[in-house]
Protein backbone atom coordinates (compact mmCIF):
# COMPACT_ATOMS: atom_id res chain seq x y z
CA MET A 1 -10.89 -19.08 183.17
CA ILE A 2 -9.27 -15.78 183.55
CA THR A 3 -6.77 -16.00 186.31
CA LYS A 4 -6.36 -12.76 188.41
CA ASN A 5 -2.50 -12.09 187.09
CA ASP A 6 -4.37 -12.45 183.63
CA TYR A 7 -7.19 -9.99 184.06
CA LEU A 8 -4.56 -7.68 186.10
CA LYS A 9 -2.08 -8.34 182.77
CA ASN A 10 -4.18 -6.13 180.74
CA LEU A 11 -4.47 -2.94 183.66
CA ILE A 12 -0.99 -2.94 183.98
CA THR A 13 1.77 -0.50 180.89
CA ASP A 14 5.73 -1.42 181.54
CA ALA A 15 6.26 1.84 181.74
CA PHE A 16 10.12 2.16 180.59
CA LYS A 17 11.80 -0.90 180.04
CA VAL A 18 15.82 -1.34 180.29
CA PRO A 19 16.94 -3.73 177.34
CA ILE A 20 20.12 -6.34 177.84
CA PHE A 21 21.36 -9.09 175.73
CA ASP A 22 23.43 -11.11 176.42
CA VAL A 23 24.46 -14.45 173.51
CA GLN A 24 27.65 -17.29 174.09
CA THR A 25 29.85 -16.74 170.77
CA THR A 26 31.63 -19.35 169.48
CA ILE A 27 34.78 -16.61 168.84
CA ASP A 28 37.90 -17.95 169.86
CA THR A 29 39.02 -15.04 172.22
CA GLN A 30 43.08 -16.54 172.30
CA SER A 31 45.39 -14.74 169.07
CA LEU A 32 43.01 -11.82 171.29
CA ILE A 33 44.34 -11.98 174.62
CA ASP A 34 47.90 -12.55 172.96
CA TYR A 35 47.02 -9.43 171.01
CA ALA A 36 46.34 -8.01 174.94
CA TYR A 37 48.94 -8.90 177.21
CA GLU A 38 51.72 -7.89 173.91
CA LEU A 39 49.62 -4.25 174.23
CA LYS A 40 49.78 -4.23 178.22
CA ASN A 41 53.52 -4.50 177.73
CA LYS A 42 54.00 -1.85 175.62
CA SER A 43 51.45 0.76 177.53
CA LYS A 44 50.22 2.03 180.41
CA GLY A 45 47.45 1.94 179.59
CA ARG A 46 44.75 4.65 181.44
CA VAL A 47 42.27 4.91 184.57
CA VAL A 48 38.68 6.07 183.26
CA SER A 49 36.56 3.50 186.32
CA ASN A 50 39.33 0.34 186.36
CA VAL A 51 40.32 0.66 189.78
CA SER A 52 43.79 -1.34 189.62
CA GLY A 53 43.95 -3.58 186.76
CA TRP A 54 44.89 -1.56 183.36
CA GLN A 55 42.75 -1.14 180.40
CA SER A 56 44.52 0.22 177.08
CA ASN A 57 44.05 3.09 174.63
CA ASP A 58 41.00 2.59 171.93
CA LEU A 59 41.84 0.40 168.95
CA ASN A 60 41.64 0.18 165.88
CA LYS A 61 39.06 -1.48 165.54
CA ASN A 62 40.45 -2.38 161.15
CA LEU A 63 42.21 -4.99 162.35
CA PRO A 64 42.07 -8.07 161.02
CA VAL A 65 42.29 -9.91 164.67
CA PHE A 66 39.03 -7.60 165.58
CA ASP A 67 37.74 -9.07 162.17
CA GLU A 68 35.45 -12.31 163.77
CA LEU A 69 33.91 -9.64 167.17
CA LYS A 70 33.37 -6.41 164.87
CA ASN A 71 31.24 -8.23 163.12
CA THR A 72 29.96 -10.22 165.70
CA ILE A 73 28.83 -6.69 168.00
CA ASN A 74 27.24 -5.12 163.88
CA LYS A 75 24.58 -7.57 163.67
CA PHE A 76 23.76 -7.84 167.53
CA ALA A 77 23.51 -4.07 167.65
CA GLN A 78 21.27 -4.03 164.52
CA ASP A 79 19.70 -6.46 165.57
CA LEU A 80 18.62 -4.66 169.26
CA HIS A 81 18.18 -1.33 167.98
CA GLU A 82 15.34 -2.89 164.97
CA TYR A 83 14.39 -4.86 169.18
CA ILE A 84 13.83 -2.05 170.31
CA ASP A 85 11.89 0.57 167.54
CA LEU A 86 14.63 2.66 166.33
CA LYS A 87 14.04 3.60 163.16
CA LYS A 88 15.65 2.58 159.78
CA GLY A 89 17.78 4.43 157.11
CA SER A 90 20.48 4.26 160.08
CA LEU A 91 22.66 1.26 161.30
CA ASN A 92 23.48 0.74 164.29
CA ILE A 93 27.65 -0.13 164.33
CA LEU A 94 30.92 -0.69 166.23
CA ASP A 95 32.12 3.04 167.32
CA ASN A 96 35.54 2.14 169.53
CA LEU A 97 36.27 -0.80 171.59
CA TRP A 98 39.20 -1.37 174.48
CA PHE A 99 41.28 -3.79 177.31
CA ASN A 100 40.91 -4.50 180.31
CA ILE A 101 43.12 -7.18 182.10
CA ASN A 102 41.79 -6.71 185.38
CA SER A 103 43.59 -8.93 188.54
CA LYS A 104 43.14 -9.61 192.10
CA GLY A 105 42.38 -7.01 194.53
CA SER A 106 40.86 -4.76 191.08
CA SER A 107 37.44 -3.21 190.48
CA ASN A 108 35.41 -0.13 187.96
CA ARG A 109 33.26 2.19 189.68
CA PRO A 110 29.97 2.89 188.79
CA HIS A 111 30.09 3.97 185.34
CA THR A 112 27.87 4.87 182.11
CA HIS A 113 29.35 5.69 178.42
CA GLN A 114 28.09 8.91 177.32
CA GLY A 115 27.34 10.20 174.03
CA SER A 116 27.10 6.48 172.72
CA VAL A 117 23.60 4.35 172.05
CA PHE A 118 24.99 0.72 172.98
CA SER A 119 27.62 -0.07 175.10
CA GLY A 120 28.71 -3.69 176.10
CA VAL A 121 31.44 -5.51 176.81
CA PHE A 122 32.90 -9.03 175.84
CA TYR A 123 35.14 -11.80 177.92
CA LEU A 124 37.87 -13.14 176.36
CA LYS A 125 38.93 -15.13 179.43
CA ALA A 126 37.16 -14.57 182.72
CA PRO A 127 37.79 -18.13 185.83
CA GLU A 128 35.66 -17.63 188.18
CA ASN A 129 35.53 -15.59 190.71
CA SER A 130 36.20 -12.83 189.14
CA GLY A 131 33.89 -10.26 189.36
CA ARG A 132 30.02 -9.96 187.45
CA ILE A 133 29.10 -6.57 186.37
CA VAL A 134 26.02 -5.02 187.56
CA PHE A 135 23.70 -2.89 186.21
CA THR A 136 22.04 -0.45 188.77
CA ASN A 137 18.01 -0.04 188.80
CA PRO A 138 17.53 3.31 186.60
CA ASN A 139 14.84 3.82 189.05
CA LYS A 140 17.32 4.74 192.38
CA LEU A 141 14.94 4.64 194.46
CA ILE A 142 13.16 1.38 194.93
CA GLU A 143 15.06 0.75 197.60
CA TYR A 144 13.65 3.21 199.51
CA HIS A 145 10.29 1.94 198.94
CA PHE A 146 10.61 -1.70 199.50
CA ASP A 147 11.23 -3.68 202.46
CA ARG A 148 13.27 -6.67 201.47
CA ASP A 149 11.79 -9.05 203.56
CA ARG A 150 8.48 -8.02 202.80
CA VAL A 151 9.20 -8.83 199.04
CA ASN A 152 9.07 -13.03 197.86
CA SER A 153 10.79 -13.10 194.43
CA PHE A 154 13.11 -9.90 193.26
CA ASN A 155 12.07 -9.06 189.69
CA HIS A 156 12.19 -6.08 186.85
CA TYR A 157 9.43 -4.36 189.11
CA THR A 158 11.30 -4.68 192.71
CA SER A 159 15.08 -5.15 192.58
CA SER A 160 17.84 -2.31 192.41
CA SER A 161 20.09 -3.72 190.38
CA ARG A 162 21.08 -7.06 187.84
CA TRP A 163 24.38 -9.10 187.76
CA TYR A 164 25.40 -11.37 185.22
CA GLU A 165 28.92 -14.13 185.59
CA PRO A 166 31.84 -14.04 183.19
CA LYS A 167 32.50 -16.33 180.93
CA GLN A 168 34.84 -17.24 178.59
CA SER A 169 33.82 -15.28 174.64
CA LYS A 170 30.27 -14.29 176.01
CA LEU A 171 28.62 -11.37 174.85
CA ILE A 172 26.68 -8.19 176.94
CA MET A 173 25.24 -5.50 175.29
CA PHE A 174 22.58 -2.65 177.07
CA PRO A 175 22.01 1.11 176.74
CA ALA A 176 25.37 3.41 177.20
CA SER A 177 23.00 5.42 179.95
CA LEU A 178 22.73 2.42 182.18
CA GLU A 179 24.86 2.19 185.34
CA HIS A 180 27.22 -0.39 186.05
CA TYR A 181 30.14 -1.40 187.64
CA VAL A 182 31.72 -4.57 188.20
CA GLU A 183 32.75 -6.17 191.86
CA GLY A 184 36.00 -6.94 193.35
CA HIS A 185 38.37 -9.81 191.39
CA THR A 186 39.48 -12.04 194.39
CA ALA A 187 40.28 -14.64 191.70
CA ASP A 188 43.99 -15.02 191.48
CA GLU A 189 43.66 -15.52 187.51
CA ASP A 190 43.46 -12.27 185.22
CA ARG A 191 40.12 -11.97 183.52
CA VAL A 192 40.67 -10.17 180.32
CA SER A 193 38.05 -8.43 178.24
CA ILE A 194 36.99 -6.20 175.36
CA ALA A 195 34.82 -3.45 175.82
CA PHE A 196 32.88 -0.95 173.40
CA ASN A 197 30.10 1.78 172.42
CA THR A 198 28.22 1.72 168.98
CA LYS A 199 26.86 4.62 167.39
CA LEU A 200 24.37 5.35 164.77
CA ASP A 201 25.67 5.00 160.92
CA TYR A 202 23.39 7.28 158.55
CA GLU A 203 22.68 5.55 155.24
């Protein structure tokens, strides 16, 4: 027997979708954490989207300390490249990366990563209450068309945002055009992460 939902699935097209990829890796983070604090002690860093906290300048991605992470990013970036059906004949590879060390009271303003294909974050250290990463629905007017009290369950049709809790060794990747921000950090310990962008390398 065909249900009403089955019937409707044949009539409805999900016209626009946004992929957000997240995976729990087994990458050891201690050497990367040590390197992050070593750089922080030598440099004032830069201010881009960060409110308080510390962000490094772009890092030398060819240093041995980044080898395992770089290989992991390249693999999953290519998987995502193929999943959304980008053309073969080009590799989706790591372009640049940088450290973020966020202490209590810090956050990141809404932003995108212009000029890149995918962007992402890899968590090196993530205590509880250290700030969720929040993605904003590209349909920014959606909140004006749904009475929140009338929504039975928020999903990709009705949600204005989607968030992920930071977790040590977790990798999250998403289209660089997708606006995102990081909530306020309320933990006493630092959250340490690496943010990155990918680019196309034509064979």
